[in-house]
Amino acid sequence: MNLRTRAVSVLAGLSFATAVAAHAMLDRSMPQVGSTLKAVPRSVELWFTEPLEPAFSTVKVIDSAGRQVDDRNPKVDPADPKHLAVSVTALPTGRYRVVWRVISVDTHATEGDFTFDVVP
């Protein structure tokens, strides 16, 4: 293999590795994944590893009966495009599932979910 062929192979491999790393993965959340809260949060907030495309990124909060209980106002923060939030009001005691689907600005989609509990 000549030097030029090796260089092209290395650059192609690096390009692929960069593309794979560009997916927006969940970095942290409030409430934290699997947490137990005594106070009802005013919002559910998610931070990702990559900037998000606001028009195609969403988050929902679902109760144990499968009903959406957030205020249906998910929003990517214009000041921090890695931050996605939705407000919630008056969650009773119970387990809640947060379901998210985001598209990073480089058009890669990722999705996931986690739970948190509200206790008296």
Protein backbone atom coordinates (compact mmCIF):
# COMPACT_ATOMS: atom_id res chain seq x y z
CA MET A 1 0.00 0.00 0.00
CA ASN A 2 1.52 3.31 -1.03
CA LEU A 3 1.67 6.36 1.19
CA ARG A 4 -1.19 8.15 -0.58
CA THR A 5 -3.55 5.15 -0.19
CA ARG A 6 -2.68 4.90 3.51
CA ALA A 7 -3.34 8.60 4.03
CA VAL A 8 -6.73 8.35 2.33
CA SER A 9 -7.61 5.30 4.47
CA VAL A 10 -6.64 7.08 7.67
CA LEU A 11 -8.63 10.20 6.76
CA ALA A 12 -11.67 8.10 5.84
CA GLY A 13 -11.46 6.31 9.20
CA LEU A 14 -11.19 9.58 11.09
CA SER A 15 -14.17 11.02 9.21
CA PHE A 16 -16.26 7.97 10.14
CA ALA A 17 -15.20 8.18 13.80
CA THR A 18 -16.10 11.87 13.93
CA ALA A 19 -19.52 11.22 12.39
CA VAL A 20 -20.28 8.47 14.88
CA ALA A 21 -19.25 10.67 17.82
CA ALA A 22 -21.53 13.47 16.61
CA HIS A 23 -24.78 11.91 17.80
CA ALA A 24 -26.48 13.93 20.54
CA MET A 25 -26.44 11.67 23.60
CA LEU A 26 -28.00 12.51 26.95
CA ASP A 27 -25.32 14.06 29.14
CA ARG A 28 -27.36 14.83 32.29
CA SER A 29 -30.88 15.64 33.43
CA MET A 30 -32.88 17.38 36.14
CA PRO A 31 -34.43 15.46 37.76
CA GLN A 32 -31.60 12.98 37.55
CA VAL A 33 -32.14 9.62 35.90
CA GLY A 34 -33.73 7.23 38.44
CA SER A 35 -34.00 9.85 41.18
CA THR A 36 -36.58 10.09 43.96
CA LEU A 37 -37.93 13.57 44.67
CA LYS A 38 -39.91 14.92 47.62
CA ALA A 39 -40.61 18.21 45.86
CA VAL A 40 -42.34 18.35 42.49
CA PRO A 41 -40.06 19.75 39.80
CA ARG A 42 -41.29 22.78 37.83
CA SER A 43 -39.67 21.43 34.70
CA VAL A 44 -37.79 18.48 33.28
CA GLU A 45 -34.49 19.54 31.78
CA LEU A 46 -32.10 17.56 29.60
CA TRP A 47 -28.59 18.41 28.45
CA PHE A 48 -27.04 16.66 25.46
CA THR A 49 -23.52 16.22 24.13
CA GLU A 50 -24.26 18.02 20.85
CA PRO A 51 -26.36 21.05 19.80
CA LEU A 52 -29.97 20.17 18.94
CA GLU A 53 -32.21 21.07 16.03
CA PRO A 54 -35.12 22.82 17.84
CA ALA A 55 -37.80 22.03 15.25
CA PHE A 56 -37.19 18.27 15.54
CA SER A 57 -36.33 17.72 19.22
CA THR A 58 -38.92 16.83 21.82
CA VAL A 59 -39.40 15.56 25.35
CA LYS A 60 -42.51 14.22 27.08
CA VAL A 61 -43.31 13.32 30.69
CA ILE A 62 -45.63 10.31 31.02
CA ASP A 63 -47.38 9.11 34.20
CA SER A 64 -47.82 5.46 35.23
CA ALA A 65 -51.17 5.29 33.38
CA GLY A 66 -49.49 6.34 30.13
CA ARG A 67 -50.87 9.90 30.07
CA GLN A 68 -48.71 12.81 29.01
CA VAL A 69 -48.53 15.11 32.06
CA ASP A 70 -46.13 17.85 30.99
CA ASP A 71 -47.30 21.23 29.70
CA ARG A 72 -46.59 20.19 26.07
CA ASN A 73 -44.12 23.01 25.59
CA PRO A 74 -40.71 21.43 24.90
CA LYS A 75 -38.10 24.00 23.98
CA VAL A 76 -34.44 24.05 23.08
CA ASP A 77 -32.73 26.91 24.91
CA PRO A 78 -31.52 29.50 22.34
CA ALA A 79 -28.65 30.44 24.69
CA ASP A 80 -27.58 26.78 25.06
CA PRO A 81 -28.61 24.62 22.07
CA LYS A 82 -27.62 21.46 23.99
CA HIS A 83 -30.38 22.13 26.57
CA LEU A 84 -33.96 20.88 26.10
CA ALA A 85 -36.71 21.47 28.69
CA VAL A 86 -40.44 21.02 29.22
CA SER A 87 -42.47 22.46 32.10
CA VAL A 88 -44.66 20.38 34.40
CA THR A 89 -47.30 21.34 36.95
CA ALA A 90 -48.65 19.64 40.03
CA LEU A 91 -47.37 16.09 39.61
CA PRO A 92 -48.93 13.82 42.22
CA THR A 93 -46.98 11.09 43.98
CA GLY A 94 -45.90 8.42 41.53
CA ARG A 95 -43.40 7.25 38.94
CA TYR A 96 -42.86 9.30 35.80
CA ARG A 97 -41.20 8.35 32.55
CA VAL A 98 -39.33 10.94 30.53
CA VAL A 99 -39.26 10.12 26.82
CA TRP A 100 -37.04 12.11 24.51
CA ARG A 101 -36.19 12.16 20.83
CA VAL A 102 -33.72 14.65 19.47
CA ILE A 103 -31.99 15.46 16.23
CA SER A 104 -28.59 17.07 16.43
CA VAL A 105 -27.75 19.93 14.11
CA ASP A 106 -25.80 17.47 11.95
CA THR A 107 -29.13 15.55 11.41
CA HIS A 108 -28.43 12.46 13.53
CA ALA A 109 -31.46 11.27 15.55
CA THR A 110 -31.23 9.71 19.01
CA GLU A 111 -33.90 8.80 21.51
CA GLY A 112 -34.25 7.41 24.98
CA ASP A 113 -36.18 7.42 28.21
CA PHE A 114 -35.71 7.27 31.96
CA THR A 115 -37.84 7.38 35.09
CA PHE A 116 -38.00 9.41 38.26
CA ASP A 117 -40.29 9.11 41.30
CA VAL A 118 -42.19 11.75 43.27
CA VAL A 119 -42.81 10.68 46.87
CA PRO A 120 -44.67 12.36 49.75
